[in-house]
Amino acid sequence: MTLNPNSIEARDVAYHLHSYTNARRHEEIGPIVIESGEGMHVTDTDGNRYIEAMAGLWSVAVGFGEKRLAEAAARQMQKLNFYHTFTHKSHTPAIELAEKLVAMAPVPMSKAYFTNSGSEANDTMVKLVRYRSNALGQPRKKKIISRIKGYHGVTLASASLTGLPNNHRAFDLPMEGVLHTTCPHHWREGRPGESEEDFATRCAEDLDALIEAEGPDTVAAFIGEPVMGAGGVIVPPRGYWQKIQAVLKKHDVLLVADEVICGFGRTGRMFGCETYGIEPDIMTLSKALSSSYLPISALLINERVYAPVAEQSSEIGTFGHGYTASGHPVAAAVALENLAIIEEKRLVEHAAEIAPYFQEALGSLQDHPLVGEVRGVGLIAAVELVTDKAAKVAMQPPGSMAAAAFGLIQKNGVISRAIGDALAFCPPLIVEREHVDTIVEATRKGLDQLQATL
């Protein structure tokens, strides 16, 4: 494919390094340039209109083109376009958003701390956990356990927490002090004849053995997404979170719930923690917090975390951490309006109501010769592709099958996401049945087209 050298696509290739993209391949084919968005749809510069079945990047909860969010940004921009939260300074949007989030939390929380992305939130969590351990006189208690295929971001620390090989390769990661335990994917990791409950027990036993081997006095925290997102939409097996939490309590290990994808309605409850009975010490939030209209993220910490941190800051004389844009007034104002829309339009309740139809409709793809598993909860799901259902194997090299299907489905007017050998779906919370039908029809058509080439 030869790009017109004066086109917007060619200019992108000439000047722009992309995330999660093969840079050399990008030089050959260029980008699809999205020009506008409205509701469930986005439109590219060629006039092609797509259902955005990934809500952008798991995040545009209220849909595209929501005028109330643009108006909230404009009002705040005119009133106070920027101020910081360093050295005893604050501003009303940050205060109101912190108050709102602490009140919304599914378990008692003490404080909110603002960052600018999920990666920054989880990176800050690592620093807070270390700071707290030092404050408690536990200088050895610094290790953090994550899970294979977990996704927690891309900074040095958060990418180390992430349990995906391509986030580590050539970056010299993971860094020291980060460990990974069993991925809770029953279909892929369960042993022959092993029930979900038994598999969950084995996952908890693996975690317990890892903590014992490392020494409980060296392990500070465990981080997990209620439902794993970018690792392939992996839904925990029955009883998993109850068993994991029992192990953490046994060893006095903090529980960090990464709600970056699950938070604000994705699983049919306001937080994934509510769906699975998780009682975290720290929660990290982003994405649907502002529907990604502006960058903002947050950590919620309970008193067990806050009190030692506060004492240590008093002893040192300051809490030596912060970002210029932490709690940015415009982003905070947009987040507050976004949360108001979610509540006023009852989008969490809507997600819970339409979720059975969404899951059943996608589940109908299970009979397709190329589908090994359909899994999901609420308004998040994945379709795992295989060439052999019994052997659970896909095309080689790994990931090529979902990538091919993704491209075909996109040509059919639906944007999904290829993750390994799975196709992920995570539509805006405003999705209706007719959108679900279109998503499933386009997916089945794309899979039929792919099968015809094999």
Protein backbone atom coordinates (compact mmCIF):
# COMPACT_ATOMS: atom_id res chain seq x y z
CA MET A 1 0.00 0.00 0.00
CA THR A 2 1.38 3.40 -1.01
CA LEU A 3 0.21 6.39 0.99
CA ASN A 4 -0.40 9.76 -0.59
CA PRO A 5 2.58 11.75 0.79
CA ASN A 6 0.32 14.72 1.51
CA SER A 7 -2.36 12.71 3.30
CA ILE A 8 -3.05 12.83 7.02
CA GLU A 9 -2.13 9.13 7.14
CA ALA A 10 1.30 9.75 5.62
CA ARG A 11 1.94 12.62 8.02
CA ASP A 12 1.07 10.30 10.90
CA VAL A 13 3.59 7.73 9.65
CA ALA A 14 6.24 10.44 9.23
CA TYR A 15 5.98 11.99 12.70
CA HIS A 16 4.08 9.78 15.15
CA LEU A 17 5.27 6.77 17.19
CA HIS A 18 2.24 4.70 18.20
CA SER A 19 1.44 2.69 21.32
CA TYR A 20 0.97 -1.09 21.01
CA THR A 21 1.85 -1.01 17.31
CA ASN A 22 4.42 -2.69 15.08
CA ALA A 23 6.30 0.45 14.00
CA ARG A 24 7.67 -1.04 10.76
CA ARG A 25 4.28 -2.46 9.81
CA HIS A 26 2.75 0.95 10.52
CA GLU A 27 5.14 2.53 8.04
CA GLU A 28 3.66 0.23 5.38
CA ILE A 29 -0.06 0.49 6.04
CA GLY A 30 -0.57 3.73 7.98
CA PRO A 31 -3.39 4.39 10.46
CA ILE A 32 -7.15 4.57 10.35
CA VAL A 33 -7.71 8.20 11.37
CA ILE A 34 -10.82 8.66 13.50
CA GLU A 35 -12.36 12.06 12.85
CA SER A 36 -15.50 12.21 14.99
CA GLY A 37 -17.63 10.31 17.48
CA GLU A 38 -21.26 10.28 18.50
CA GLY A 39 -22.93 7.93 20.95
CA MET A 40 -21.94 4.36 20.12
CA HIS A 41 -20.20 5.29 16.86
CA VAL A 42 -16.95 6.78 15.55
CA THR A 43 -16.28 7.90 11.97
CA ASP A 44 -12.96 7.94 10.12
CA THR A 45 -11.61 10.45 7.60
CA ASP A 46 -12.92 8.32 4.72
CA GLY A 47 -16.44 8.55 6.09
CA ASN A 48 -16.59 4.95 7.37
CA ARG A 49 -18.76 4.66 10.48
CA TYR A 50 -18.07 2.02 13.12
CA ILE A 51 -19.73 0.79 16.29
CA GLU A 52 -17.01 1.27 18.90
CA ALA A 53 -17.43 -2.06 20.68
CA MET A 54 -14.38 -1.38 22.88
CA ALA A 55 -15.56 2.01 24.20
CA GLY A 56 -12.27 3.39 22.85
CA LEU A 57 -9.95 1.68 25.31
CA TRP A 58 -12.45 0.13 27.74
CA SER A 59 -13.32 3.63 28.85
CA VAL A 60 -15.94 5.81 27.11
CA ALA A 61 -18.77 4.82 29.44
CA VAL A 62 -21.25 7.56 28.50
CA GLY A 63 -20.59 7.33 24.76
CA PHE A 64 -18.91 9.70 22.35
CA GLY A 65 -19.83 13.36 21.83
CA GLU A 66 -21.54 13.93 25.18
CA LYS A 67 -22.15 17.70 25.16
CA ARG A 68 -22.51 17.97 28.92
CA LEU A 69 -18.86 16.94 29.34
CA ALA A 70 -17.67 19.45 26.75
CA GLU A 71 -19.67 22.16 28.48
CA ALA A 72 -18.32 21.19 31.92
CA ALA A 73 -14.77 21.45 30.56
CA ALA A 74 -15.45 24.83 28.96
CA ARG A 75 -16.99 26.26 32.16
CA GLN A 76 -14.08 25.13 34.31
CA MET A 77 -11.50 26.25 31.73
CA GLN A 78 -12.91 29.78 31.86
CA LYS A 79 -13.11 29.83 35.66
CA LEU A 80 -9.82 28.18 36.68
CA ASN A 81 -7.91 26.55 33.83
CA PHE A 82 -5.18 25.09 36.07
CA TYR A 83 -4.04 24.89 39.60
CA HIS A 84 -2.00 22.36 41.53
CA THR A 85 -2.45 20.44 44.78
CA PHE A 86 1.07 20.83 46.18
CA THR A 87 2.03 22.52 49.48
CA HIS A 88 -1.40 22.93 51.08
CA LYS A 89 -3.08 24.25 47.90
CA SER A 90 -6.33 22.90 46.52
CA HIS A 91 -9.33 23.81 44.41
CA THR A 92 -13.04 23.02 44.47
CA PRO A 93 -13.25 20.39 41.69
CA ALA A 94 -10.51 18.24 43.26
CA ILE A 95 -12.08 18.54 46.71
CA GLU A 96 -15.55 17.66 45.43
CA LEU A 97 -14.27 14.72 43.39
CA ALA A 98 -12.25 13.32 46.29
CA GLU A 99 -15.30 13.59 48.53
CA LYS A 100 -17.49 11.95 45.89
CA LEU A 101 -15.15 9.00 45.30
CA VAL A 102 -14.63 8.26 49.00
CA ALA A 103 -18.41 8.31 49.46
CA MET A 104 -18.93 5.99 46.46
CA ALA A 105 -16.32 3.43 47.52
CA PRO A 106 -17.70 -0.07 48.21
CA VAL A 107 -15.70 -0.32 51.46
CA PRO A 108 -14.62 2.42 53.90
CA MET A 109 -11.86 4.56 52.42
CA SER A 110 -9.99 7.46 53.97
CA LYS A 111 -8.48 9.56 51.17
CA ALA A 112 -8.31 9.98 47.40
CA TYR A 113 -5.05 10.76 45.63
CA PHE A 114 -5.17 11.98 42.03
CA THR A 115 -2.95 10.94 39.12
CA ASN A 116 -3.38 11.11 35.34
CA SER A 117 -3.67 7.51 34.10
CA GLY A 118 -4.16 4.01 35.38
CA SER A 119 -0.43 3.42 34.91
CA GLU A 120 0.41 6.40 37.13
CA ALA A 121 -2.13 5.30 39.73
CA ASN A 122 -0.56 1.84 40.01
CA ASP A 123 2.96 3.27 39.91
CA THR A 124 2.04 5.57 42.80
CA MET A 125 0.55 2.59 44.62
CA VAL A 126 3.94 0.86 44.55
CA LYS A 127 5.57 3.92 46.09
CA LEU A 128 2.86 4.26 48.74
CA VAL A 129 3.21 0.60 49.73
CA ARG A 130 6.98 1.01 50.14
CA TYR A 131 6.57 4.29 52.04
CA ARG A 132 4.04 2.67 54.37
CA SER A 133 6.26 -0.33 55.11
CA ASN A 134 9.14 1.97 56.04
CA ALA A 135 6.79 4.00 58.24
CA LEU A 136 5.78 0.81 60.06
CA GLY A 137 9.40 -0.22 60.63
CA GLN A 138 9.09 -3.11 58.15
CA PRO A 139 11.87 -2.32 55.67
CA ARG A 140 11.90 -5.87 54.24
CA LYS A 141 8.13 -5.92 53.53
CA LYS A 142 8.23 -4.45 50.02
CA LYS A 143 7.41 -7.19 47.48
CA ILE A 144 4.21 -6.96 45.48
CA ILE A 145 2.48 -9.96 43.92
CA SER A 146 0.55 -9.65 40.69
CA ARG A 147 -0.77 -12.35 38.35
CA ILE A 148 0.28 -13.81 35.04
CA LYS A 149 -1.76 -12.01 32.33
CA GLY A 150 -2.74 -9.25 34.74
CA TYR A 151 -2.59 -5.74 33.30
CA HIS A 152 -1.68 -2.75 35.47
CA GLY A 153 -0.01 -0.24 33.17
CA VAL A 154 3.20 0.66 31.38
CA THR A 155 5.48 2.72 33.64
CA LEU A 156 8.55 0.90 34.94
CA ALA A 157 6.71 -0.12 38.09
CA SER A 158 3.24 -0.71 36.67
CA ALA A 159 4.58 -2.59 33.63
CA SER A 160 6.46 -4.81 36.06
CA LEU A 161 3.14 -5.56 37.75
CA THR A 162 1.64 -6.35 34.37
CA GLY A 163 2.02 -10.06 33.66
CA LEU A 164 2.29 -9.99 29.87
CA PRO A 165 5.55 -10.91 28.12
CA ASN A 166 5.43 -8.18 25.45
CA ASN A 167 5.26 -5.54 28.18
CA HIS A 168 8.55 -6.88 29.57
CA ARG A 169 10.55 -7.94 26.53
CA ALA A 170 13.39 -5.53 25.61
CA PHE A 171 12.40 -3.20 28.47
CA ASP A 172 14.47 -5.13 31.07
CA LEU A 173 11.35 -5.82 33.12
CA PRO A 174 9.96 -6.85 35.51
CA MET A 175 11.92 -4.91 38.09
CA GLU A 176 13.09 -6.47 41.34
CA GLY A 177 10.47 -6.90 44.02
CA VAL A 178 7.57 -7.86 41.76
CA LEU A 179 6.31 -11.45 41.65
CA HIS A 180 3.62 -13.17 39.58
CA THR A 181 1.25 -15.94 40.56
CA THR A 182 -1.24 -18.16 38.72
CA CYS A 183 -3.55 -16.73 36.06
CA PRO A 184 -7.13 -17.57 37.14
CA HIS A 185 -8.34 -18.72 33.70
CA HIS A 186 -10.16 -21.99 34.29
CA TRP A 187 -10.70 -22.86 30.60
CA ARG A 188 -7.01 -22.44 29.79
CA GLU A 189 -5.26 -23.27 33.07
CA GLY A 190 -7.58 -25.78 34.72
CA ARG A 191 -6.52 -29.42 34.83
CA PRO A 192 -8.63 -32.17 33.24
CA GLY A 193 -11.70 -32.74 35.40
CA GLU A 194 -10.84 -29.87 37.76
CA SER A 195 -13.93 -27.88 38.76
CA GLU A 196 -13.93 -24.09 38.94
CA GLU A 197 -14.06 -24.30 42.73
CA ASP A 198 -11.12 -26.70 42.86
CA PHE A 199 -9.16 -24.53 40.44
CA ALA A 200 -9.85 -21.47 42.60
CA THR A 201 -8.56 -23.42 45.60
CA ARG A 202 -5.39 -24.29 43.69
CA CYS A 203 -4.88 -20.63 42.73
CA ALA A 204 -5.14 -19.64 46.39
CA GLU A 205 -2.78 -22.45 47.39
CA ASP A 206 -0.27 -21.28 44.77
CA LEU A 207 -0.44 -17.75 46.22
CA ASP A 208 -0.03 -19.04 49.76
CA ALA A 209 2.98 -21.14 48.74
CA LEU A 210 4.59 -18.18 46.98
CA ILE A 211 4.19 -15.95 50.03
CA GLU A 212 5.57 -18.67 52.31
CA ALA A 213 8.54 -19.25 50.00
CA GLU A 214 9.39 -15.55 49.79
CA GLY A 215 8.70 -14.96 53.50
CA PRO A 216 5.51 -13.23 54.66
CA ASP A 217 7.64 -10.51 56.24
CA THR A 218 8.83 -9.54 52.72
CA VAL A 219 5.46 -9.40 50.91
CA ALA A 220 3.58 -6.12 51.22
CA ALA A 221 0.72 -6.26 48.74
CA PHE A 222 -1.21 -8.24 46.15
CA ILE A 223 -2.80 -6.48 43.15
CA GLY A 224 -5.54 -7.81 40.93
CA GLU A 225 -8.29 -6.68 38.58
CA PRO A 226 -11.73 -7.98 39.64
CA VAL A 227 -12.01 -9.19 36.03
CA MET A 228 -8.74 -9.25 34.07
CA GLY A 229 -9.08 -6.93 31.08
CA ALA A 230 -6.14 -6.49 28.71
CA GLY A 231 -4.91 -10.00 29.55
CA GLY A 232 -7.92 -11.38 27.66
CA VAL A 233 -11.08 -10.65 29.71
CA ILE A 234 -10.52 -13.42 32.22
CA VAL A 235 -13.43 -13.91 34.61
CA PRO A 236 -12.42 -15.35 38.00
CA PRO A 237 -13.60 -18.88 38.79
CA ARG A 238 -16.26 -19.41 41.44
CA GLY A 239 -14.98 -18.70 44.95
CA TYR A 240 -11.69 -17.26 43.72
CA TRP A 241 -11.71 -13.88 45.42
CA GLN A 242 -12.92 -15.24 48.76
CA LYS A 243 -10.09 -17.78 48.80
CA ILE A 244 -7.46 -15.25 47.72
CA GLN A 245 -8.53 -12.76 50.39
CA ALA A 246 -8.28 -15.43 53.09
CA VAL A 247 -4.62 -16.02 52.12
CA LEU A 248 -3.85 -12.29 52.16
CA LYS A 249 -5.40 -11.84 55.61
CA LYS A 250 -3.44 -14.82 56.91
CA HIS A 251 -0.15 -13.16 55.91
CA ASP A 252 -1.08 -9.49 56.60
CA VAL A 253 -0.73 -8.56 52.92
CA LEU A 254 -2.52 -5.48 51.55
CA LEU A 255 -5.10 -6.04 48.81
CA VAL A 256 -5.06 -3.63 45.87
CA ALA A 257 -8.06 -3.73 43.53
CA ASP A 258 -7.25 -2.39 40.08
CA GLU A 259 -10.67 -1.05 39.05
CA VAL A 260 -9.32 0.88 36.06
CA ILE A 261 -11.47 -1.16 33.63
CA CYS A 262 -14.13 -2.62 35.94
CA GLY A 263 -14.98 0.58 37.82
CA PHE A 264 -18.12 2.68 37.28
CA GLY A 265 -20.50 0.05 35.97
CA ARG A 266 -18.63 -2.32 33.67
CA THR A 267 -19.55 -5.51 35.56
CA GLY A 268 -23.14 -4.45 36.24
CA ARG A 269 -22.32 -2.96 39.63
CA MET A 270 -20.66 0.38 40.31
CA PHE A 271 -17.39 -1.43 41.09
CA GLY A 272 -16.07 -4.88 40.27
CA CYS A 273 -15.32 -5.24 43.98
CA GLU A 274 -19.07 -5.29 44.64
CA THR A 275 -19.64 -7.95 41.98
CA TYR A 276 -17.09 -10.30 43.57
CA GLY A 277 -17.16 -9.39 47.27
CA ILE A 278 -13.67 -7.88 47.28
CA GLU A 279 -12.65 -5.70 50.25
CA PRO A 280 -9.53 -3.81 49.14
CA ASP A 281 -7.16 -1.59 51.11
CA ILE A 282 -6.37 0.39 47.96
CA MET A 283 -8.39 0.93 44.80
CA THR A 284 -7.00 2.37 41.57
CA LEU A 285 -9.43 4.12 39.22
CA SER A 286 -9.26 5.72 35.77
CA LYS A 287 -10.86 5.27 32.29
CA ALA A 288 -14.63 5.53 32.98
CA LEU A 289 -13.91 8.00 35.80
CA SER A 290 -14.06 10.70 33.11
CA SER A 291 -15.12 8.42 30.24
CA SER A 292 -11.59 9.29 29.02
CA TYR A 293 -12.79 12.72 27.90
CA LEU A 294 -9.79 14.05 29.82
CA PRO A 295 -6.88 12.22 31.49
CA ILE A 296 -7.49 11.61 35.18
CA SER A 297 -7.06 8.72 37.60
CA ALA A 298 -7.16 8.18 41.33
CA LEU A 299 -6.18 5.96 44.21
CA LEU A 300 -8.49 5.40 47.13
CA ILE A 301 -6.70 4.35 50.30
CA ASN A 302 -8.15 3.20 53.59
CA GLU A 303 -7.06 4.37 57.01
CA ARG A 304 -4.80 1.34 57.38
CA VAL A 305 -2.76 2.74 54.50
CA TYR A 306 -3.22 6.47 55.10
CA ALA A 307 -2.29 6.70 58.78
CA PRO A 308 1.30 5.37 58.47
CA VAL A 309 1.84 7.44 55.30
CA ALA A 310 0.66 10.58 57.07
CA GLU A 311 2.93 9.89 60.04
CA GLN A 312 5.93 9.31 57.79
CA SER A 313 5.28 12.58 55.94
CA SER A 314 5.22 14.35 59.30
CA GLU A 315 8.51 12.81 60.34
CA ILE A 316 10.20 13.67 57.04
CA GLY A 317 8.50 17.03 56.72
CA THR A 318 6.69 16.39 53.45
CA PHE A 319 5.13 13.66 51.30
CA GLY A 320 7.71 13.87 48.53
CA HIS A 321 5.53 12.77 45.63
CA GLY A 322 3.24 14.53 43.17
CA TYR A 323 2.34 15.25 39.56
CA THR A 324 1.86 18.72 38.09
CA ALA A 325 -1.60 17.76 36.83
CA SER A 326 -2.76 15.74 39.87
CA GLY A 327 -6.44 16.55 40.30
CA HIS A 328 -6.34 18.98 37.37
CA PRO A 329 -9.38 21.26 37.82
CA VAL A 330 -10.73 20.79 34.28
CA ALA A 331 -10.29 17.01 34.36
CA ALA A 332 -11.84 16.83 37.84
CA ALA A 333 -14.82 18.94 36.74
CA VAL A 334 -15.36 16.65 33.75
CA ALA A 335 -15.09 13.57 35.98
CA LEU A 336 -17.71 14.97 38.35
CA GLU A 337 -20.08 15.67 35.46
CA ASN A 338 -19.39 12.21 34.00
CA LEU A 339 -20.28 10.55 37.30
CA ALA A 340 -23.43 12.69 37.47
CA ILE A 341 -24.44 11.44 34.00
CA ILE A 342 -23.79 7.83 34.98
CA GLU A 343 -26.01 8.25 38.03
CA GLU A 344 -28.77 10.36 36.44
CA LYS A 345 -29.10 8.11 33.39
CA ARG A 346 -28.87 5.02 35.59
CA LEU A 347 -26.17 3.58 33.34
CA VAL A 348 -24.98 1.05 35.93
CA GLU A 349 -28.51 -0.27 36.21
CA HIS A 350 -28.80 -0.24 32.41
CA ALA A 351 -25.59 -2.24 32.15
CA ALA A 352 -26.98 -4.82 34.57
CA GLU A 353 -30.25 -5.01 32.64
CA ILE A 354 -28.74 -5.46 29.18
CA ALA A 355 -25.80 -7.63 30.30
CA PRO A 356 -27.69 -10.97 30.05
CA TYR A 357 -28.67 -10.17 26.45
CA PHE A 358 -25.12 -9.07 25.62
CA GLN A 359 -23.58 -12.21 27.12
CA GLU A 360 -26.17 -14.55 25.58
CA ALA A 361 -25.81 -12.95 22.13
CA LEU A 362 -22.03 -13.26 22.15
CA GLY A 363 -22.42 -16.73 23.65
CA SER A 364 -24.28 -17.77 20.49
CA LEU A 365 -20.89 -17.63 18.74
CA GLN A 366 -19.79 -20.65 20.79
CA ASP A 367 -21.12 -22.92 18.04
CA HIS A 368 -18.80 -21.39 15.43
CA PRO A 369 -16.01 -23.76 14.33
CA LEU A 370 -13.36 -21.13 15.17
CA VAL A 371 -14.59 -20.32 18.69
CA GLY A 372 -13.11 -22.13 21.68
CA GLU A 373 -14.63 -20.13 24.53
CA VAL A 374 -16.92 -17.15 25.05
CA ARG A 375 -16.51 -15.59 28.48
CA GLY A 376 -17.55 -12.41 30.24
CA VAL A 377 -19.60 -10.62 32.86
CA GLY A 378 -21.69 -7.46 32.67
CA LEU A 379 -20.69 -5.50 29.58
CA ILE A 380 -17.24 -6.98 29.08
CA ALA A 381 -16.54 -10.18 27.18
CA ALA A 382 -14.05 -12.10 25.06
CA VAL A 383 -14.32 -14.63 22.25
CA GLU A 384 -11.33 -16.99 22.23
CA LEU A 385 -10.44 -18.26 18.76
CA VAL A 386 -9.10 -21.72 17.94
CA THR A 387 -8.47 -23.94 14.96
CA ASP A 388 -8.97 -27.07 17.10
CA LYS A 389 -11.59 -26.86 19.87
CA ALA A 390 -10.47 -30.00 21.67
CA ALA A 391 -6.78 -29.09 21.70
CA LYS A 392 -7.52 -25.39 22.38
CA VAL A 393 -4.91 -24.28 19.84
CA ALA A 394 -5.04 -21.42 17.33
CA MET A 395 -3.18 -20.34 14.21
CA GLN A 396 0.55 -19.74 14.42
CA PRO A 397 2.20 -17.45 15.27
CA PRO A 398 0.22 -16.75 18.46
CA GLY A 399 -2.10 -13.80 18.09
CA SER A 400 -2.28 -13.94 14.30
CA MET A 401 -5.74 -15.48 14.27
CA ALA A 402 -7.43 -12.81 16.40
CA ALA A 403 -5.55 -10.10 14.51
CA ALA A 404 -6.94 -11.41 11.21
CA ALA A 405 -10.46 -11.67 12.62
CA PHE A 406 -10.22 -8.19 14.13
CA GLY A 407 -9.40 -6.70 10.74
CA LEU A 408 -12.31 -8.45 9.04
CA ILE A 409 -14.77 -7.45 11.76
CA GLN A 410 -13.58 -3.84 11.51
CA LYS A 411 -14.27 -3.91 7.76
CA ASN A 412 -17.77 -5.05 8.69
CA GLY A 413 -18.26 -1.85 10.73
CA VAL A 414 -17.40 -2.91 14.30
CA ILE A 415 -14.24 -2.09 16.25
CA SER A 416 -13.23 -4.80 18.73
CA ARG A 417 -9.74 -5.58 20.03
CA ALA A 418 -7.43 -8.52 19.42
CA ILE A 419 -5.75 -9.75 22.62
CA GLY A 420 -3.60 -12.78 22.05
CA ASP A 421 -5.95 -15.26 20.41
CA ALA A 422 -9.09 -13.59 21.78
CA LEU A 423 -11.39 -10.83 20.58
CA ALA A 424 -12.43 -8.44 23.34
CA PHE A 425 -15.70 -6.50 23.54
CA CYS A 426 -16.41 -3.69 26.00
CA PRO A 427 -19.04 -1.31 24.57
CA PRO A 428 -20.11 2.01 26.08
CA LEU A 429 -22.65 1.60 28.86
CA ILE A 430 -25.28 3.24 26.64
CA VAL A 431 -25.34 0.16 24.36
CA GLU A 432 -28.78 -1.09 23.30
CA ARG A 433 -29.96 -4.44 21.94
CA GLU A 434 -29.76 -3.34 18.31
CA HIS A 435 -26.09 -2.44 18.83
CA VAL A 436 -25.43 -5.83 20.39
CA ASP A 437 -27.09 -7.53 17.43
CA THR A 438 -24.90 -5.59 14.99
CA ILE A 439 -21.76 -6.45 16.97
CA VAL A 440 -22.56 -10.16 16.96
CA GLU A 441 -23.59 -10.19 13.29
CA ALA A 442 -20.38 -8.44 12.23
CA THR A 443 -18.30 -10.78 14.38
CA ARG A 444 -19.93 -13.93 12.99
CA LYS A 445 -19.52 -12.61 9.44
CA GLY A 446 -15.84 -11.85 10.10
CA LEU A 447 -15.28 -15.33 11.53
CA ASP A 448 -17.00 -16.89 8.51
CA GLN A 449 -14.73 -14.86 6.24
CA LEU A 450 -11.68 -15.97 8.18
CA GLN A 451 -12.74 -19.62 8.09
CA ALA A 452 -13.08 -19.42 4.31
CA THR A 453 -9.39 -18.52 4.07
CA LEU A 454 -8.10 -21.38 6.25
